[in-house]
Structure formats: C-alpha cells, structure tokens
C-alpha cells in the first residue's frame, strides 16, 4: 500500500490492516504486508525535513480524517491487529518501506 493509511483514522486503518492480515499467508510461508508511507521523526532531523513532515501532517489532516504517524503509533496499529513484527527501511525521501509480518 502506497500512501494509503495516512489518509485514514486509526480506527479505519485498523480495519484495513485487519483485512490485510486475514488475506496474507503465514510468516513461514512468506506472508507480509508492504506499506510505503511517511514515518514522522524517523528520518534525518534537519529543519527542512521537519518542516516538510509537519506540512504533510497538516495537509492530510485538512483533506482526510487521517494523519502522519511516528514509529510508536505505527507499531501500536500493527500489534493491535495481531501482526507479530515489522521492519522499517527509510528510503524514497521522506517515505519509508514498512514490512509487516503475520
């Protein structure tokens, strides 16, 4: 999912992730969900990067019921749905690749 979950509230994101969790095979069979999204306060902490993260957060809050999340907030969503773990790889500018495992 690319730039999807930041558009949704925590409640709706949990519903989406639950459906993903139900649809993928187990971890030992290679199952995982791949998410590309922003993780605030996870990238380099220069002024320009922080300003851009805050701008995206305000933009998402104005246009959608969602918001940008930090790693702790993402982890809570993943574990609340029953995923066993996740891996974050910062890349693609402000975006990160998040692999979530059943």
PDB file of N, CA and C in Angstrom:
ATOM      1  N   UNK A   1       0.854  -1.171   0.000  1.00  0.00           N
ATOM      2  CA  UNK A   1       0.000   0.000   0.000  1.00  0.00           C
ATOM      3  C   UNK A   1       0.900   1.233   0.000  1.00  0.00           C
ATOM      4  N   UNK A   2       0.657   2.113  -0.919  1.00  0.00           N
ATOM      5  CA  UNK A   2       1.482   3.311  -1.029  1.00  0.00           C
ATOM      6  C   UNK A   2       0.638   4.535  -0.687  1.00  0.00           C
ATOM      7  N   UNK A   3       1.062   5.258   0.348  1.00  0.00           N
ATOM      8  CA  UNK A   3       0.387   6.484   0.773  1.00  0.00           C
ATOM      9  C   UNK A   3      -1.109   6.249   1.000  1.00  0.00           C
ATOM     10  N   UNK A   4      -1.465   5.173   1.659  1.00  0.00           N
ATOM     11  CA  UNK A   4      -2.871   4.849   1.895  1.00  0.00           C
ATOM     12  C   UNK A   4      -3.268   5.117   3.346  1.00  0.00           C
ATOM     13  N   UNK A   5      -2.570   4.498   4.285  1.00  0.00           N
ATOM     14  CA  UNK A   5      -3.022   4.517   5.679  1.00  0.00           C
ATOM     15  C   UNK A   5      -2.955   5.898   6.319  1.00  0.00           C
ATOM     16  N   UNK A   6      -2.094   6.766   5.822  1.00  0.00           N
ATOM     17  CA  UNK A   6      -2.049   8.110   6.431  1.00  0.00           C
ATOM     18  C   UNK A   6      -3.313   8.908   6.122  1.00  0.00           C
ATOM     19  N   UNK A   7      -4.102   8.433   5.153  1.00  0.00           N
ATOM     20  CA  UNK A   7      -5.367   9.102   4.819  1.00  0.00           C
ATOM     21  C   UNK A   7      -6.498   8.738   5.778  1.00  0.00           C
ATOM     22  N   UNK A   8      -6.290   7.742   6.607  1.00  0.00           N
ATOM     23  CA  UNK A   8      -7.374   7.182   7.415  1.00  0.00           C
ATOM     24  C   UNK A   8      -7.116   7.346   8.905  1.00  0.00           C
ATOM     25  N   UNK A   9      -8.199   7.421   9.668  1.00  0.00           N
ATOM     26  CA  UNK A   9      -8.113   7.471  11.134  1.00  0.00           C
ATOM     27  C   UNK A   9      -7.529   6.155  11.637  1.00  0.00           C
ATOM     28  N   UNK A  10      -7.169   6.119  12.904  1.00  0.00           N
ATOM     29  CA  UNK A  10      -6.652   4.880  13.484  1.00  0.00           C
ATOM     30  C   UNK A  10      -7.678   3.759  13.379  1.00  0.00           C
ATOM     31  N   UNK A  11      -8.945   4.072  13.637  1.00  0.00           N
ATOM     32  CA  UNK A  11      -9.996   3.050  13.596  1.00  0.00           C
ATOM     33  C   UNK A  11     -10.128   2.450  12.197  1.00  0.00           C
ATOM     34  N   UNK A  12     -10.150   3.306  11.181  1.00  0.00           N
ATOM     35  CA  UNK A  12     -10.251   2.818   9.801  1.00  0.00           C
ATOM     36  C   UNK A  12      -8.973   2.098   9.376  1.00  0.00           C
ATOM     37  N   UNK A  13      -7.825   2.597   9.815  1.00  0.00           N
ATOM     38  CA  UNK A  13      -6.561   1.931   9.497  1.00  0.00           C
ATOM     39  C   UNK A  13      -6.520   0.534  10.100  1.00  0.00           C
ATOM     40  N   UNK A  14      -7.050   0.391  11.309  1.00  0.00           N
ATOM     41  CA  UNK A  14      -7.118  -0.936  11.929  1.00  0.00           C
ATOM     42  C   UNK A  14      -7.987  -1.877  11.105  1.00  0.00           C
ATOM     43  N   UNK A  15      -9.096  -1.378  10.598  1.00  0.00           N
ATOM     44  CA  UNK A  15      -9.975  -2.216   9.766  1.00  0.00           C
ATOM     45  C   UNK A  15      -9.267  -2.641   8.483  1.00  0.00           C
ATOM     46  N   UNK A  16      -8.554  -1.721   7.855  1.00  0.00           N
ATOM     47  CA  UNK A  16      -7.819  -2.036   6.630  1.00  0.00           C
ATOM     48  C   UNK A  16      -6.730  -3.066   6.918  1.00  0.00           C
ATOM     49  N   UNK A  17      -5.958  -2.836   7.978  1.00  0.00           N
ATOM     50  CA  UNK A  17      -4.874  -3.759   8.322  1.00  0.00           C
ATOM     51  C   UNK A  17      -5.402  -5.131   8.720  1.00  0.00           C
ATOM     52  N   UNK A  18      -6.552  -5.179   9.374  1.00  0.00           N
ATOM     53  CA  UNK A  18      -7.142  -6.465   9.745  1.00  0.00           C
ATOM     54  C   UNK A  18      -7.476  -7.270   8.494  1.00  0.00           C
ATOM     55  N   UNK A  19      -8.045  -6.621   7.488  1.00  0.00           N
ATOM     56  CA  UNK A  19      -8.354  -7.300   6.218  1.00  0.00           C
ATOM     57  C   UNK A  19      -7.069  -7.790   5.547  1.00  0.00           C
ATOM     58  N   UNK A  20      -6.025  -6.985   5.592  1.00  0.00           N
ATOM     59  CA  UNK A  20      -4.734  -7.406   5.033  1.00  0.00           C
ATOM     60  C   UNK A  20      -4.199  -8.621   5.786  1.00  0.00           C
ATOM     61  N   UNK A  21      -4.290  -8.574   7.106  1.00  0.00           N
ATOM     62  CA  UNK A  21      -3.801  -9.682   7.948  1.00  0.00           C
ATOM     63  C   UNK A  21      -4.540 -10.970   7.611  1.00  0.00           C
ATOM     64  N   UNK A  22      -5.843 -10.885   7.388  1.00  0.00           N
ATOM     65  CA  UNK A  22      -6.642 -12.063   7.053  1.00  0.00           C
ATOM     66  C   UNK A  22      -6.307 -12.599   5.661  1.00  0.00           C
ATOM     67  N   UNK A  23      -5.868 -11.734   4.760  1.00  0.00           N
ATOM     68  CA  UNK A  23      -5.672 -12.117   3.360  1.00  0.00           C
ATOM     69  C   UNK A  23      -4.298 -12.712   3.049  1.00  0.00           C
ATOM     70  N   UNK A  24      -3.308 -12.483   3.908  1.00  0.00           N
ATOM     71  CA  UNK A  24      -1.958 -12.939   3.579  1.00  0.00           C
ATOM     72  C   UNK A  24      -1.657 -14.282   4.233  1.00  0.00           C
ATOM     73  N   UNK A  25      -0.723 -15.048   3.630  1.00  0.00           N
ATOM     74  CA  UNK A  25      -0.327 -16.318   4.240  1.00  0.00           C
ATOM     75  C   UNK A  25       0.499 -16.076   5.502  1.00  0.00           C
ATOM     76  N   UNK A  26       0.764 -17.132   6.230  1.00  0.00           N
ATOM     77  CA  UNK A  26       1.537 -17.023   7.468  1.00  0.00           C
ATOM     78  C   UNK A  26       2.965 -16.565   7.175  1.00  0.00           C
ATOM     79  N   UNK A  27       3.651 -16.146   8.213  1.00  0.00           N
ATOM     80  CA  UNK A  27       5.013 -15.642   8.087  1.00  0.00           C
ATOM     81  C   UNK A  27       5.948 -16.713   7.528  1.00  0.00           C
ATOM     82  N   UNK A  28       5.785 -17.969   7.969  1.00  0.00           N
ATOM     83  CA  UNK A  28       6.664 -19.035   7.486  1.00  0.00           C
ATOM     84  C   UNK A  28       6.426 -19.357   6.010  1.00  0.00           C
ATOM     85  N   UNK A  29       5.323 -18.893   5.455  1.00  0.00           N
ATOM     86  CA  UNK A  29       5.046 -19.062   4.021  1.00  0.00           C
ATOM     87  C   UNK A  29       5.324 -17.774   3.246  1.00  0.00           C
ATOM     88  N   UNK A  30       6.031 -16.848   3.890  1.00  0.00           N
ATOM     89  CA  UNK A  30       6.440 -15.623   3.209  1.00  0.00           C
ATOM     90  C   UNK A  30       5.441 -14.488   3.242  1.00  0.00           C
ATOM     91  N   UNK A  31       4.411 -14.617   4.060  1.00  0.00           N
ATOM     92  CA  UNK A  31       3.395 -13.578   4.114  1.00  0.00           C
ATOM     93  C   UNK A  31       3.908 -12.299   4.745  1.00  0.00           C
ATOM     94  N   UNK A  32       3.534 -11.186   4.165  1.00  0.00           N
ATOM     95  CA  UNK A  32       3.822  -9.872   4.744  1.00  0.00           C
ATOM     96  C   UNK A  32       3.015  -8.825   4.000  1.00  0.00           C
ATOM     97  N   UNK A  33       2.816  -7.708   4.665  1.00  0.00           N
ATOM     98  CA  UNK A  33       2.180  -6.547   4.054  1.00  0.00           C
ATOM     99  C   UNK A  33       3.281  -5.512   3.870  1.00  0.00           C
ATOM    100  N   UNK A  34       3.337  -4.919   2.694  1.00  0.00           N
ATOM    101  CA  UNK A  34       4.332  -3.882   2.426  1.00  0.00           C
ATOM    102  C   UNK A  34       3.609  -2.541   2.331  1.00  0.00           C
ATOM    103  N   UNK A  35       4.065  -1.617   3.151  1.00  0.00           N
ATOM    104  CA  UNK A  35       3.472  -0.282   3.227  1.00  0.00           C
ATOM    105  C   UNK A  35       4.562   0.729   2.897  1.00  0.00           C
ATOM    106  N   UNK A  36       4.243   1.674   2.045  1.00  0.00           N
ATOM    107  CA  UNK A  36       5.146   2.799   1.798  1.00  0.00           C
ATOM    108  C   UNK A  36       4.416   4.043   2.276  1.00  0.00           C
ATOM    109  N   UNK A  37       4.976   4.647   3.308  1.00  0.00           N
ATOM    110  CA  UNK A  37       4.329   5.808   3.910  1.00  0.00           C
ATOM    111  C   UNK A  37       5.367   6.593   4.693  1.00  0.00           C
ATOM    112  N   UNK A  38       4.973   7.740   5.187  1.00  0.00           N
ATOM    113  CA  UNK A  38       5.870   8.568   5.974  1.00  0.00           C
ATOM    114  C   UNK A  38       5.827   8.149   7.433  1.00  0.00           C
ATOM    115  N   UNK A  39       6.989   8.165   8.053  1.00  0.00           N
ATOM    116  CA  UNK A  39       7.076   7.964   9.495  1.00  0.00           C
ATOM    117  C   UNK A  39       7.724   9.224  10.046  1.00  0.00           C
ATOM    118  N   UNK A  40       6.940  10.023  10.738  1.00  0.00           N
ATOM    119  CA  UNK A  40       7.484  11.284  11.245  1.00  0.00           C
ATOM    120  C   UNK A  40       8.517  10.993  12.317  1.00  0.00           C
ATOM    121  N   UNK A  41       9.511  11.854  12.364  1.00  0.00           N
ATOM    122  CA  UNK A  41      10.605  11.759  13.326  1.00  0.00           C
ATOM    123  C   UNK A  41      11.411  10.484  13.141  1.00  0.00           C
ATOM    124  N   UNK A  42      11.436   9.933  11.928  1.00  0.00           N
ATOM    125  CA  UNK A  42      12.216   8.734  11.676  1.00  0.00           C
ATOM    126  C   UNK A  42      13.332   9.000  10.672  1.00  0.00           C
ATOM    127  N   UNK A  43      13.302  10.135  10.045  1.00  0.00           N
ATOM    128  CA  UNK A  43      14.280  10.469   9.015  1.00  0.00           C
ATOM    129  C   UNK A  43      15.324  11.401   9.618  1.00  0.00           C
ATOM    130  N   UNK A  44      16.164  11.913   8.755  1.00  0.00           N
ATOM    131  CA  UNK A  44      17.128  12.909   9.209  1.00  0.00           C
ATOM    132  C   UNK A  44      16.372  14.076   9.833  1.00  0.00           C
ATOM    133  N   UNK A  45      16.933  14.656  10.834  1.00  0.00           N
ATOM    134  CA  UNK A  45      16.224  15.670  11.620  1.00  0.00           C
ATOM    135  C   UNK A  45      16.680  17.091  11.297  1.00  0.00           C
ATOM    136  N   UNK A  46      16.898  17.406  10.025  1.00  0.00           N
ATOM    137  CA  UNK A  46      17.232  18.779   9.678  1.00  0.00           C
ATOM    138  C   UNK A  46      15.954  19.610   9.596  1.00  0.00           C
ATOM    139  N   UNK A  47      16.101  20.926   9.612  1.00  0.00           N
ATOM    140  CA  UNK A  47      14.935  21.818   9.627  1.00  0.00           C
ATOM    141  C   UNK A  47      14.016  21.604   8.430  1.00  0.00           C
ATOM    142  N   UNK A  48      14.596  21.438   7.255  1.00  0.00           N
ATOM    143  CA  UNK A  48      13.783  21.265   6.045  1.00  0.00           C
ATOM    144  C   UNK A  48      12.965  19.974   6.108  1.00  0.00           C
ATOM    145  N   UNK A  49      13.570  18.916   6.603  1.00  0.00           N
ATOM    146  CA  UNK A  49      12.867  17.636   6.719  1.00  0.00           C
ATOM    147  C   UNK A  49      11.718  17.735   7.721  1.00  0.00           C
ATOM    148  N   UNK A  50      11.962  18.364   8.852  1.00  0.00           N
ATOM    149  CA  UNK A  50      10.923  18.518   9.875  1.00  0.00           C
ATOM    150  C   UNK A  50       9.781  19.385   9.346  1.00  0.00           C
ATOM    151  N   UNK A  51      10.113  20.480   8.677  1.00  0.00           N
ATOM    152  CA  UNK A  51       9.078  21.349   8.106  1.00  0.00           C
ATOM    153  C   UNK A  51       8.223  20.598   7.092  1.00  0.00           C
ATOM    154  N   UNK A  52       8.846  19.788   6.263  1.00  0.00           N
ATOM    155  CA  UNK A  52       8.108  19.025   5.259  1.00  0.00           C
ATOM    156  C   UNK A  52       7.194  18.004   5.917  1.00  0.00           C
ATOM    157  N   UNK A  53       7.683  17.323   6.948  1.00  0.00           N
ATOM    158  CA  UNK A  53       6.852  16.356   7.671  1.00  0.00           C
ATOM    159  C   UNK A  53       5.639  17.037   8.285  1.00  0.00           C
ATOM    160  N   UNK A  54       5.841  18.180   8.910  1.00  0.00           N
ATOM    161  CA  UNK A  54       4.730  18.907   9.525  1.00  0.00           C
ATOM    162  C   UNK A  54       3.743  19.403   8.470  1.00  0.00           C
ATOM    163  N   UNK A  55       4.259  19.847   7.323  1.00  0.00           N
ATOM    164  CA  UNK A  55       3.388  20.278   6.234  1.00  0.00           C
ATOM    165  C   UNK A  55       2.501  19.125   5.765  1.00  0.00           C
ATOM    166  N   UNK A  56       3.099  17.946   5.550  1.00  0.00           N
ATOM    167  CA  UNK A  56       2.314  16.788   5.127  1.00  0.00           C
ATOM    168  C   UNK A  56       1.281  16.409   6.176  1.00  0.00           C
ATOM    169  N   UNK A  57       1.655  16.476   7.447  1.00  0.00           N
ATOM    170  CA  UNK A  57       0.717  16.138   8.516  1.00  0.00           C
ATOM    171  C   UNK A  57      -0.479  17.086   8.491  1.00  0.00           C
ATOM    172  N   UNK A  58      -0.232  18.388   8.354  1.00  0.00           N
ATOM    173  CA  UNK A  58      -1.332  19.359   8.297  1.00  0.00           C
ATOM    174  C   UNK A  58      -2.181  19.155   7.045  1.00  0.00           C
ATOM    175  N   UNK A  59      -1.538  18.887   5.920  1.00  0.00           N
ATOM    176  CA  UNK A  59      -2.263  18.669   4.670  1.00  0.00           C
ATOM    177  C   UNK A  59      -3.193  17.465   4.774  1.00  0.00           C
ATOM    178  N   UNK A  60      -2.684  16.372   5.315  1.00  0.00           N
ATOM    179  CA  UNK A  60      -3.504  15.164   5.461  1.00  0.00           C
ATOM    180  C   UNK A  60      -4.660  15.418   6.425  1.00  0.00           C
ATOM    181  N   UNK A  61      -4.400  16.139   7.526  1.00  0.00           N
ATOM    182  CA  UNK A  61      -5.471  16.412   8.489  1.00  0.00           C
ATOM    183  C   UNK A  61      -6.564  17.299   7.888  1.00  0.00           C
ATOM    184  N   UNK A  62      -6.194  18.176   6.970  1.00  0.00           N
ATOM    185  CA  UNK A  62      -7.180  19.053   6.330  1.00  0.00           C
ATOM    186  C   UNK A  62      -8.021  18.289   5.308  1.00  0.00           C
ATOM    187  N   UNK A  63      -7.386  17.431   4.525  1.00  0.00           N
ATOM    188  CA  UNK A  63      -8.060  16.761   3.417  1.00  0.00           C
ATOM    189  C   UNK A  63      -8.741  15.448   3.790  1.00  0.00           C
ATOM    190  N   UNK A  64      -8.229  14.769   4.790  1.00  0.00           N
ATOM    191  CA  UNK A  64      -8.704  13.423   5.133  1.00  0.00           C
ATOM    192  C   UNK A  64      -8.859  13.302   6.648  1.00  0.00           C
ATOM    193  N   UNK A  65      -9.464  12.221   7.107  1.00  0.00           N
ATOM    194  CA  UNK A  65      -9.556  12.027   8.556  1.00  0.00           C
ATOM    195  C   UNK A  65      -8.274  11.453   9.162  1.00  0.00           C
ATOM    196  N   UNK A  66      -7.239  11.277   8.366  1.00  0.00           N
ATOM    197  CA  UNK A  66      -6.007  10.642   8.835  1.00  0.00           C
ATOM    198  C   UNK A  66      -4.973  11.627   9.317  1.00  0.00           C
ATOM    199  N   UNK A  67      -3.741  11.102   9.440  1.00  0.00           N
ATOM    200  CA  UNK A  67      -2.612  11.912   9.893  1.00  0.00           C
ATOM    201  C   UNK A  67      -1.333  11.133   9.660  1.00  0.00           C
ATOM    202  N   UNK A  68      -0.219  11.820   9.747  1.00  0.00           N
ATOM    203  CA  UNK A  68       1.069  11.142   9.695  1.00  0.00           C
ATOM    204  C   UNK A  68       1.343  10.556  11.077  1.00  0.00           C
ATOM    205  N   UNK A  69       2.058   9.441  11.123  1.00  0.00           N
ATOM    206  CA  UNK A  69       2.300   8.749  12.390  1.00  0.00           C
ATOM    207  C   UNK A  69       3.795   8.559  12.620  1.00  0.00           C
ATOM    208  N   UNK A  70       4.174   8.509  13.901  1.00  0.00           N
ATOM    209  CA  UNK A  70       5.550   8.166  14.232  1.00  0.00           C
ATOM    210  C   UNK A  70       5.654   6.643  14.381  1.00  0.00           C
ATOM    211  N   UNK A  71       6.850   6.137  14.597  1.00  0.00           N
ATOM    212  CA  UNK A  71       7.034   4.681  14.649  1.00  0.00           C
ATOM    213  C   UNK A  71       6.217   4.033  15.764  1.00  0.00           C
ATOM    214  N   UNK A  72       6.147   4.666  16.912  1.00  0.00           N
ATOM    215  CA  UNK A  72       5.383   4.103  18.032  1.00  0.00           C
ATOM    216  C   UNK A  72       3.900   3.960  17.667  1.00  0.00           C
ATOM    217  N   UNK A  73       3.354   4.958  16.989  1.00  0.00           N
ATOM    218  CA  UNK A  73       1.941   4.910  16.583  1.00  0.00           C
ATOM    219  C   UNK A  73       1.703   3.836  15.519  1.00  0.00           C
ATOM    220  N   UNK A  74       2.640   3.698  14.570  1.00  0.00           N
ATOM    221  CA  UNK A  74       2.521   2.619  13.580  1.00  0.00           C
ATOM    222  C   UNK A  74       2.559   1.258  14.274  1.00  0.00           C
ATOM    223  N   UNK A  75       3.522   1.075  15.182  1.00  0.00           N
ATOM    224  CA  UNK A  75       3.667  -0.212  15.871  1.00  0.00           C
ATOM    225  C   UNK A  75       2.390  -0.575  16.624  1.00  0.00           C
ATOM    226  N   UNK A  76       1.775   0.391  17.280  1.00  0.00           N
ATOM    227  CA  UNK A  76       0.528   0.113  18.003  1.00  0.00           C
ATOM    228  C   UNK A  76      -0.539  -0.408  17.047  1.00  0.00           C
ATOM    229  N   UNK A  77      -0.676   0.215  15.878  1.00  0.00           N
ATOM    230  CA  UNK A  77      -1.647  -0.274  14.891  1.00  0.00           C
ATOM    231  C   UNK A  77      -1.338  -1.720  14.503  1.00  0.00           C
ATOM    232  N   UNK A  78      -0.079  -1.997  14.201  1.00  0.00           N
ATOM    233  CA  UNK A  78       0.293  -3.342  13.756  1.00  0.00           C
ATOM    234  C   UNK A  78       0.011  -4.392  14.824  1.00  0.00           C
ATOM    235  N   UNK A  79       0.413  -4.115  16.051  1.00  0.00           N
ATOM    236  CA  UNK A  79       0.244  -5.106  17.112  1.00  0.00           C
ATOM    237  C   UNK A  79      -1.211  -5.229  17.553  1.00  0.00           C
ATOM    238  N   UNK A  80      -1.973  -4.147  17.486  1.00  0.00           N
ATOM    239  CA  UNK A  80      -3.400  -4.217  17.830  1.00  0.00           C
ATOM    240  C   UNK A  80      -4.174  -5.133  16.883  1.00  0.00           C
ATOM    241  N   UNK A  81      -3.701  -5.263  15.650  1.00  0.00           N
ATOM    242  CA  UNK A  81      -4.360  -6.117  14.660  1.00  0.00           C
ATOM    243  C   UNK A  81      -3.877  -7.563  14.766  1.00  0.00           C
ATOM    244  N   UNK A  82      -2.755  -7.786  15.435  1.00  0.00           N
ATOM    245  CA  UNK A  82      -2.256  -9.147  15.592  1.00  0.00           C
ATOM    246  C   UNK A  82      -1.036  -9.488  14.768  1.00  0.00           C
ATOM    247  N   UNK A  83      -0.401  -8.486  14.164  1.00  0.00           N
ATOM    248  CA  UNK A  83       0.851  -8.756  13.469  1.00  0.00           C
ATOM    249  C   UNK A  83       1.935  -9.047  14.506  1.00  0.00           C
ATOM    250  N   UNK A  84       2.924  -9.867  14.113  1.00  0.00           N
ATOM    251  CA  UNK A  84       3.952 -10.283  15.066  1.00  0.00           C
ATOM    252  C   UNK A  84       5.170  -9.374  15.065  1.00  0.00           C
ATOM    253  N   UNK A  85       5.356  -8.603  14.017  1.00  0.00           N
ATOM    254  CA  UNK A  85       6.517  -7.728  13.960  1.00  0.00           C
ATOM    255  C   UNK A  85       6.516  -6.901  12.696  1.00  0.00           C
ATOM    256  N   UNK A  86       7.510  -6.031  12.600  1.00  0.00           N
ATOM    257  CA  UNK A  86       7.622  -5.162  11.434  1.00  0.00           C
ATOM    258  C   UNK A  86       9.071  -4.746  11.251  1.00  0.00           C
ATOM    259  N   UNK A  87       9.384  -4.285  10.059  1.00  0.00           N
ATOM    260  CA  UNK A  87      10.718  -3.778   9.733  1.00  0.00           C
ATOM    261  C   UNK A  87      10.534  -2.491   8.940  1.00  0.00           C
ATOM    262  N   UNK A  88      11.264  -1.455   9.334  1.00  0.00           N
ATOM    263  CA  UNK A  88      11.186  -0.164   8.655  1.00  0.00           C
ATOM    264  C   UNK A  88      12.505   0.102   7.950  1.00  0.00           C
ATOM    265  N   UNK A  89      12.417   0.440   6.673  1.00  0.00           N
ATOM    266  CA  UNK A  89      13.591   0.812   5.894  1.00  0.00           C
ATOM    267  C   UNK A  89      13.367   2.220   5.343  1.00  0.00           C
ATOM    268  N   UNK A  90      14.017   3.224   5.957  1.00  0.00           N
ATOM    269  CA  UNK A  90      13.871   4.584   5.444  1.00  0.00           C
ATOM    270  C   UNK A  90      14.435   4.665   4.023  1.00  0.00           C
ATOM    271  N   UNK A  91      13.668   5.244   3.137  1.00  0.00           N
ATOM    272  CA  UNK A  91      14.112   5.398   1.752  1.00  0.00           C
ATOM    273  C   UNK A  91      13.151   6.337   1.047  1.00  0.00           C
ATOM    274  N   UNK A  92      13.354   6.549  -0.209  1.00  0.00           N
ATOM    275  CA  UNK A  92      12.407   7.306  -1.020  1.00  0.00           C
ATOM    276  C   UNK A  92      12.128   8.694  -0.448  1.00  0.00           C
ATOM    277  N   UNK A  93      13.167   9.412  -0.059  1.00  0.00           N
ATOM    278  CA  UNK A  93      12.977  10.736   0.523  1.00  0.00           C
ATOM    279  C   UNK A  93      12.402  10.642   1.920  1.00  0.00           C
ATOM    280  N   UNK A  94      11.228  11.211   2.133  1.00  0.00           N
ATOM    281  CA  UNK A  94      10.599  11.176   3.453  1.00  0.00           C
ATOM    282  C   UNK A  94       9.820   9.893   3.708  1.00  0.00           C
ATOM    283  N   UNK A  95       9.621   9.110   2.676  1.00  0.00           N
ATOM    284  CA  UNK A  95       8.851   7.876   2.827  1.00  0.00           C
ATOM    285  C   UNK A  95       9.737   6.739   3.306  1.00  0.00           C
ATOM    286  N   UNK A  96       9.106   5.751   3.911  1.00  0.00           N
ATOM    287  CA  UNK A  96       9.791   4.544   4.355  1.00  0.00           C
ATOM    288  C   UNK A  96       9.049   3.334   3.821  1.00  0.00           C
ATOM    289  N   UNK A  97       9.786   2.253   3.639  1.00  0.00           N
ATOM    290  CA  UNK A  97       9.181   0.972   3.307  1.00  0.00           C
ATOM    291  C   UNK A  97       8.991   0.234   4.627  1.00  0.00           C
ATOM    292  N   UNK A  98       7.755  -0.142   4.916  1.00  0.00           N
ATOM    293  CA  UNK A  98       7.428  -0.838   6.159  1.00  0.00           C
ATOM    294  C   UNK A  98       6.951  -2.238   5.789  1.00  0.00           C
ATOM    295  N   UNK A  99       7.662  -3.251   6.274  1.00  0.00           N
ATOM    296  CA  UNK A  99       7.247  -4.635   6.072  1.00  0.00           C
ATOM    297  C   UNK A  99       6.621  -5.109   7.376  1.00  0.00           C
ATOM    298  N   UNK A 100       5.396  -5.614   7.296  1.00  0.00           N
ATOM    299  CA  UNK A 100       4.657  -6.033   8.487  1.00  0.00           C
ATOM    300  C   UNK A 100       4.395  -7.530   8.361  1.00  0.00           C
ATOM    301  N   UNK A 101       4.736  -8.278   9.418  1.00  0.00           N
ATOM    302  CA  UNK A 101       4.695  -9.741   9.374  1.00  0.00           C
ATOM    303  C   UNK A 101       3.576 -10.316  10.236  1.00  0.00           C
ATOM    304  N   UNK A 102       2.899 -11.364   9.688  1.00  0.00           N
ATOM    305  CA  UNK A 102       1.826 -12.009  10.471  1.00  0.00           C
ATOM    306  C   UNK A 102       2.375 -12.788  11.659  1.00  0.00           C
TER     307      UNK A 102
END
